[in-house]
Amino acid sequence: MMKFRFRNQTNTWPAFVDLFSNLAIILIFLLIVFVFLWTTTSVFNKDTGAKAVADLRKANEEQAQKIVQMTADEEEAKQLLILARNELENLTADNTEMSAQLEQIDISMNELVAEYEAKVAELQSQGVDLQSQVAELTTQLNQANLNQQRTAELEQERRELQDQMNQQRASLAQQLQKLQDALAAAEQESQEKDIQYVEMSNRLNKALADKVAELNNVAQYQSEFYKAIKDALGDGNYIQPSGDRFIVSSDILFSSGSYTLSPEGKNQLRLIANVIKDLENIIPTDIDWIIRVDGHTDRQPVMSGTRAFKNNMELSLLRANAVVDELTKAGVSPRRLVPSGFGDLHPVALGTDAASMQQNRRIELQLTNR
């Protein structure tokens, strides 16, 4: 805060005037003494006494004139000093009044400075807010510029896409025209093929009818085949009929974990081979039939590195191939036999006990068409 201070100075002018008057009087006195001494010395000089007296008189007259002039000057100086003192007193009074005014001005100035500082603080606060607003507006302006630039880019992309769409539309129009022409040609061709379709439908229906008749013929011989197998093998509990197939337990054919036929298994397969050979002579040659030989195992996993097969899938297929080989050796035509292996994927018993395991180890024989 700015403050103004004015001090009341002591008025020293009257004392200075008095001092100046006293010095002037002392100077005149010393001058008179000097003249007196010089005159006395000159008078007592015999050679120059008369002349000195004359000169002294002349000097006294001049000095007297000077004293008169100095006295007049002193009076004038005193009058000037009095006037100056009066003026100084007036100035002192004015100075006192001015000091009071300056004190009042100082107070007002302090109030104005305080108000100014408050206003400056307020303006600074507003300046910070304005700077924040300017920064925000600058950010928005930059974003607007970016958006404008992006808008221009999007407009350019839109124009390019519009051009591409126009080109594609023209291309599609050409393709559509080609398709319409092709459709017209296809309709003409379709009309021409309708007759062929009717003929093909008739032939297909005839073929389906023949196939159904063939299946019926196979089904007719299935029951005879299964009955002949049952009669040939007897009533052993290792044979189980199941719908359109019959099941032979693997335990009668193979030992555990093996795909080599046992002697008993070979004897059973020879009996089955005799039935199949008789069936070949009974079923007409126009019926294309086969006997599927499906191998199945239980869920007991194969120990890696201990067998000639890696898993139950391979074991089941090896057993099916062994059965087919034995039937072929017994005189069955190989083209009537199709081996396949299913491993443990299709169990007939879901348990894990010994009886369930025994049921799942099996060879299934099914008479079907090719």
Foldseek 3Di string as FASTA:
>chain_A
DDFDADDQDDDCLVVVLVVVVVVVVVVLVVVVVVLVVVLVVQCPDVVRNVVSVVVSVVVVVVSVVVVVVVVVVNVVSVVVSVVVVVVVVVVSVVVVVVNVVSVVVRVVVVVVVVVVVVVVVVVVVVVVVVVVVVVVVVVVVVVVVVVVVVVVVVVVVVVVVVVVVVVVVVVVVVVVVVVVVVVVVVVVVVVVCVVVVVVVVVVVVVVVVVVVVLQVLLQVCQVVLVVQLCVLQDDDPQWADDPQKIKGFCVQFDPPPDLHGDPSNLVSLLSSLVSLVVVVVVRDPVRAKAKEKEFEAAPDFDDPPPDPDHTQQVSRQSNQVNSLVSSVVSPHDSSRYDYHYDYHPDQPDDDDDPVSRRRRGIIMIGMGHD
